[in-house]
Amino acid sequence: MKLHFKEGQFMTDEEKLTLIQKYEELPAEEFKEDCFEDLKKFASDKDDTVKIFTASVLSRFVNTAKRKEAIEILLQLCHEENELVRTEAYDAIGCYCEKSVVKSLEKAVLSEKDGLARSYAIDSWIYVQQHLCTNETEVIGYLNAILEKERDDNCILNCLYGKYSFGERAALDEILNYIKNTDYHIRCSVLSIIQLILEDENCTEKCKRKIKATLTKLLKREKTNAVKEQAEEVMRWL
């Protein structure tokens, strides 16, 4: 059964979101390129939520003939007025490991005013570089240049994780130090990064000991349930 709508058919915002959600939830073997035309229209919709949902699904065209077009649409969404649309677009475009995407994300990191959106641009830049990078020293140098001026904690954390993932293991101490941050959202972000570090088969026993000691202290003093539960989940890896 085809899910897409006919040309000229009127749809409410709720109907559009329901359709986009169906595209999002389709198993890979059932996901078809013919939904692309619907998403292309939705990317220009007047409703920002429709654009946010659309950006997310556009990440699914990596291995299709629509790859280039999907990148172009996501680049347009990266310049939307709404910061949440930009955030989702930065996140989605990180699935496309191309040099042109690297350059676009570098421009976004420099120009993006919203801290959360900028952190997603940095995160996607790191992910793409993990697949394309031929010079780890150059990547770390770029991240250090960002850190010299960056004041947003989420952005700083992403840069530190990037440095760690490209071989600068000393960055772990700086990452763990953020577990003391008074904002529980930042503490949760640190735990998410720790999870990524532990999932890496190259994580050393020394790193694991540092992480375990840090989380043990955290669990003794932490009052926020969301942080405690996440920390307990991460501890199961140790």
Protein backbone atom coordinates (compact mmCIF):
# COMPACT_ATOMS: atom_id res chain seq x y z
CA MET A 1 0.00 0.00 0.00
CA LYS A 2 1.39 3.38 -1.00
CA LEU A 3 1.52 5.96 1.75
CA HIS A 4 2.19 9.14 -0.21
CA PHE A 5 -0.49 11.68 -1.01
CA LYS A 6 -1.75 12.78 -4.41
CA GLU A 7 -0.83 16.09 -6.01
CA GLY A 8 -3.22 18.83 -4.93
CA GLN A 9 -4.61 16.85 -2.01
CA PHE A 10 -5.12 18.99 1.09
CA MET A 11 -3.61 17.68 4.31
CA THR A 12 -3.79 19.05 7.81
CA ASP A 13 -0.53 19.46 9.73
CA GLU A 14 -1.53 16.49 11.88
CA GLU A 15 -2.02 14.32 8.80
CA LYS A 16 1.36 15.39 7.43
CA LEU A 17 3.09 14.53 10.70
CA THR A 18 1.35 11.16 10.82
CA LEU A 19 2.50 10.36 7.28
CA ILE A 20 6.07 11.47 7.97
CA GLN A 21 6.10 9.36 11.12
CA LYS A 22 5.04 6.34 9.06
CA TYR A 23 7.97 6.96 6.73
CA GLU A 24 10.28 7.24 9.75
CA GLU A 25 9.08 3.94 11.20
CA LEU A 26 9.19 1.88 8.00
CA PRO A 27 11.73 -0.98 8.21
CA ALA A 28 14.72 -0.50 5.90
CA GLU A 29 13.54 -3.23 3.54
CA GLU A 30 10.16 -1.49 3.10
CA PHE A 31 11.45 2.07 2.84
CA LYS A 32 10.93 3.30 -0.73
CA GLU A 33 12.39 6.28 -2.56
CA ASP A 34 8.96 7.28 -3.88
CA CYS A 35 8.23 9.00 -0.56
CA PHE A 36 10.97 11.51 -1.38
CA GLU A 37 8.67 13.81 -3.36
CA ASP A 38 6.36 14.10 -0.35
CA LEU A 39 9.30 14.98 1.91
CA LYS A 40 10.59 17.49 -0.62
CA LYS A 41 7.24 19.34 -0.38
CA PHE A 42 7.11 19.05 3.41
CA ALA A 43 10.59 20.61 3.68
CA SER A 44 9.04 23.86 2.42
CA ASP A 45 5.95 23.63 4.63
CA LYS A 46 4.88 26.66 6.63
CA ASP A 47 4.76 24.58 9.84
CA ASP A 48 8.11 24.22 11.61
CA THR A 49 7.19 20.91 13.26
CA VAL A 50 6.54 19.41 9.83
CA LYS A 51 10.01 20.59 8.76
CA ILE A 52 11.59 19.09 11.88
CA PHE A 53 10.01 15.69 11.26
CA THR A 54 10.94 15.90 7.57
CA ALA A 55 14.61 16.62 8.30
CA SER A 56 14.82 13.50 10.44
CA VAL A 57 13.48 11.21 7.69
CA LEU A 58 15.76 12.78 5.08
CA SER A 59 18.67 11.03 6.82
CA ARG A 60 17.39 7.75 5.34
CA PHE A 61 18.42 8.43 1.75
CA VAL A 62 22.15 7.85 2.22
CA ASN A 63 22.33 4.74 0.04
CA THR A 64 19.79 5.81 -2.56
CA ALA A 65 19.67 7.69 -5.85
CA LYS A 66 18.15 10.62 -3.92
CA ARG A 67 21.28 11.13 -1.82
CA LYS A 68 22.42 14.38 -3.47
CA GLU A 69 18.94 15.89 -3.44
CA ALA A 70 18.47 14.96 0.21
CA ILE A 71 21.71 16.75 1.10
CA GLU A 72 20.60 19.86 -0.80
CA ILE A 73 17.27 19.97 1.05
CA LEU A 74 18.94 19.45 4.41
CA LEU A 75 21.36 22.29 3.64
CA GLN A 76 18.36 24.53 3.02
CA LEU A 77 16.84 23.45 6.34
CA CYS A 78 20.15 24.27 8.05
CA HIS A 79 19.39 27.91 7.24
CA GLU A 80 15.82 27.98 8.55
CA GLU A 81 14.84 30.70 11.01
CA ASN A 82 13.64 28.19 13.63
CA GLU A 83 16.58 26.86 15.67
CA LEU A 84 14.93 23.46 16.25
CA VAL A 85 14.59 22.94 12.50
CA ARG A 86 18.27 23.80 12.10
CA THR A 87 19.19 21.46 14.96
CA GLU A 88 17.39 18.51 13.37
CA ALA A 89 18.87 19.34 9.96
CA TYR A 90 22.42 19.43 11.38
CA ASP A 91 21.78 16.07 13.03
CA ALA A 92 20.39 14.46 9.88
CA ILE A 93 23.02 15.76 7.47
CA GLY A 94 25.71 14.13 9.61
CA CYS A 95 24.63 10.80 8.09
CA TYR A 96 26.06 11.92 4.74
CA CYS A 97 29.81 11.45 4.83
CA GLU A 98 30.96 13.81 2.08
CA LYS A 99 33.57 16.56 1.96
CA SER A 100 30.91 19.08 0.92
CA VAL A 101 29.00 18.28 4.12
CA VAL A 102 32.16 18.83 6.18
CA LYS A 103 32.58 22.30 4.67
CA SER A 104 28.93 23.19 5.23
CA LEU A 105 29.06 22.09 8.85
CA GLU A 106 32.24 24.10 9.42
CA LYS A 107 30.43 27.20 8.19
CA ALA A 108 27.50 26.37 10.47
CA VAL A 109 29.75 26.01 13.51
CA LEU A 110 31.11 29.50 12.87
CA SER A 111 27.77 31.19 12.15
CA GLU A 112 25.24 29.34 14.33
CA LYS A 113 24.13 31.48 17.28
CA ASP A 114 22.02 28.89 19.12
CA GLY A 115 24.16 26.77 21.48
CA LEU A 116 22.17 23.53 21.18
CA ALA A 117 21.98 23.76 17.39
CA ARG A 118 25.71 24.52 17.20
CA SER A 119 26.48 21.50 19.39
CA TYR A 120 24.64 19.28 16.90
CA ALA A 121 26.59 20.80 14.02
CA ILE A 122 29.84 20.03 15.87
CA ASP A 123 28.67 16.50 16.66
CA SER A 124 27.80 15.80 13.01
CA TRP A 125 31.10 17.32 11.85
CA ILE A 126 32.96 14.93 14.15
CA TYR A 127 30.93 11.94 12.95
CA VAL A 128 31.59 12.71 9.28
CA GLN A 129 35.28 13.29 9.97
CA GLN A 130 35.50 9.91 11.69
CA HIS A 131 34.68 8.42 8.29
CA LEU A 132 36.66 10.78 6.04
CA CYS A 133 39.59 12.03 8.11
CA THR A 134 43.11 11.35 6.88
CA ASN A 135 44.84 13.71 9.32
CA GLU A 136 43.86 13.32 12.99
CA THR A 137 46.21 16.11 14.10
CA GLU A 138 44.42 18.54 11.79
CA VAL A 139 41.00 17.54 13.19
CA ILE A 140 42.17 17.98 16.78
CA GLY A 141 43.63 21.35 15.86
CA TYR A 142 40.28 22.44 14.44
CA LEU A 143 38.49 21.35 17.62
CA ASN A 144 41.04 23.20 19.76
CA ALA A 145 40.36 26.34 17.72
CA ILE A 146 36.65 26.01 18.49
CA LEU A 147 37.36 25.44 22.19
CA GLU A 148 39.39 28.66 22.40
CA LYS A 149 36.22 30.70 21.79
CA GLU A 150 33.39 28.34 22.76
CA ARG A 151 31.39 29.05 25.94
CA ASP A 152 28.45 26.67 25.55
CA ASP A 153 28.87 23.54 27.71
CA ASN A 154 27.25 21.17 25.20
CA CYS A 155 29.52 22.43 22.44
CA ILE A 156 32.59 22.13 24.65
CA LEU A 157 31.68 18.57 25.61
CA ASN A 158 31.23 17.55 21.99
CA CYS A 159 34.60 19.05 21.10
CA LEU A 160 36.26 17.21 23.99
CA TYR A 161 34.68 13.93 22.91
CA GLY A 162 35.88 14.62 19.38
CA LYS A 163 39.42 15.09 20.63
CA TYR A 164 39.18 11.87 22.63
CA SER A 165 37.81 9.90 19.67
CA PHE A 166 40.67 11.12 17.46
CA GLY A 167 43.28 9.89 19.88
CA GLU A 168 43.77 12.58 22.52
CA ARG A 169 42.96 10.39 25.52
CA ALA A 170 43.85 13.14 27.99
CA ALA A 171 40.54 14.79 27.06
CA LEU A 172 38.77 12.14 29.17
CA ASP A 173 39.72 13.95 32.39
CA GLU A 174 38.12 17.17 31.13
CA ILE A 175 34.99 15.29 30.08
CA LEU A 176 34.67 13.59 33.48
CA ASN A 177 35.13 16.92 35.25
CA TYR A 178 31.84 18.10 33.70
CA ILE A 179 29.99 15.49 35.76
CA LYS A 180 30.14 18.10 38.54
CA ASN A 181 28.20 20.64 36.48
CA THR A 182 25.22 22.13 38.31
CA ASP A 183 22.95 21.67 35.26
CA TYR A 184 21.64 18.11 35.32
CA HIS A 185 21.17 18.18 31.54
CA ILE A 186 24.93 18.59 31.19
CA ARG A 187 25.53 15.72 33.62
CA CYS A 188 23.25 13.57 31.44
CA SER A 189 25.22 14.65 28.35
CA VAL A 190 28.46 13.59 30.05
CA LEU A 191 26.96 10.18 30.81
CA SER A 192 25.92 9.78 27.17
CA ILE A 193 29.49 10.54 26.09
CA ILE A 194 30.85 8.09 28.66
CA GLN A 195 28.54 5.45 27.20
CA LEU A 196 30.03 6.08 23.73
CA ILE A 197 33.55 5.81 25.14
CA LEU A 198 32.78 2.49 26.86
CA GLU A 199 31.19 1.09 23.70
CA ASP A 200 34.49 1.63 21.88
CA GLU A 201 36.49 -1.60 21.87
CA ASN A 202 39.67 0.49 22.21
CA CYS A 203 38.65 1.83 25.62
CA THR A 204 41.52 0.94 27.95
CA GLU A 205 41.29 -0.51 31.45
CA LYS A 206 42.85 2.70 32.76
CA CYS A 207 40.03 4.73 31.22
CA LYS A 208 37.44 2.34 32.63
CA ARG A 209 38.89 2.68 36.13
CA LYS A 210 38.74 6.49 35.89
CA ILE A 211 35.15 6.34 34.70
CA LYS A 212 34.12 3.88 37.41
CA ALA A 213 35.66 6.03 40.15
CA THR A 214 33.89 9.13 38.81
CA LEU A 215 30.49 7.43 38.57
CA THR A 216 30.82 5.87 42.02
CA LYS A 217 31.29 9.34 43.52
CA LEU A 218 28.44 10.72 41.41
CA LEU A 219 25.97 8.05 42.58
CA LYS A 220 26.74 8.83 46.22
CA ARG A 221 25.76 12.49 45.90
CA GLU A 222 23.33 12.66 42.93
CA LYS A 223 19.77 13.75 43.79
CA THR A 224 18.25 13.91 40.29
CA ASN A 225 16.58 10.62 39.35
CA ALA A 226 17.20 11.01 35.61
CA VAL A 227 20.95 11.33 36.21
CA LYS A 228 21.05 8.51 38.78
CA GLU A 229 19.21 6.10 36.52
CA GLN A 230 21.43 6.89 33.56
CA ALA A 231 24.58 6.56 35.69
CA GLU A 232 23.42 3.18 37.00
CA GLU A 233 22.83 2.03 33.42
CA VAL A 234 26.32 3.12 32.38
CA MET A 235 27.85 1.38 35.42
CA ARG A 236 26.60 -1.94 34.05
CA TRP A 237 29.27 -1.62 31.37
CA LEU A 238 31.99 -1.60 34.01
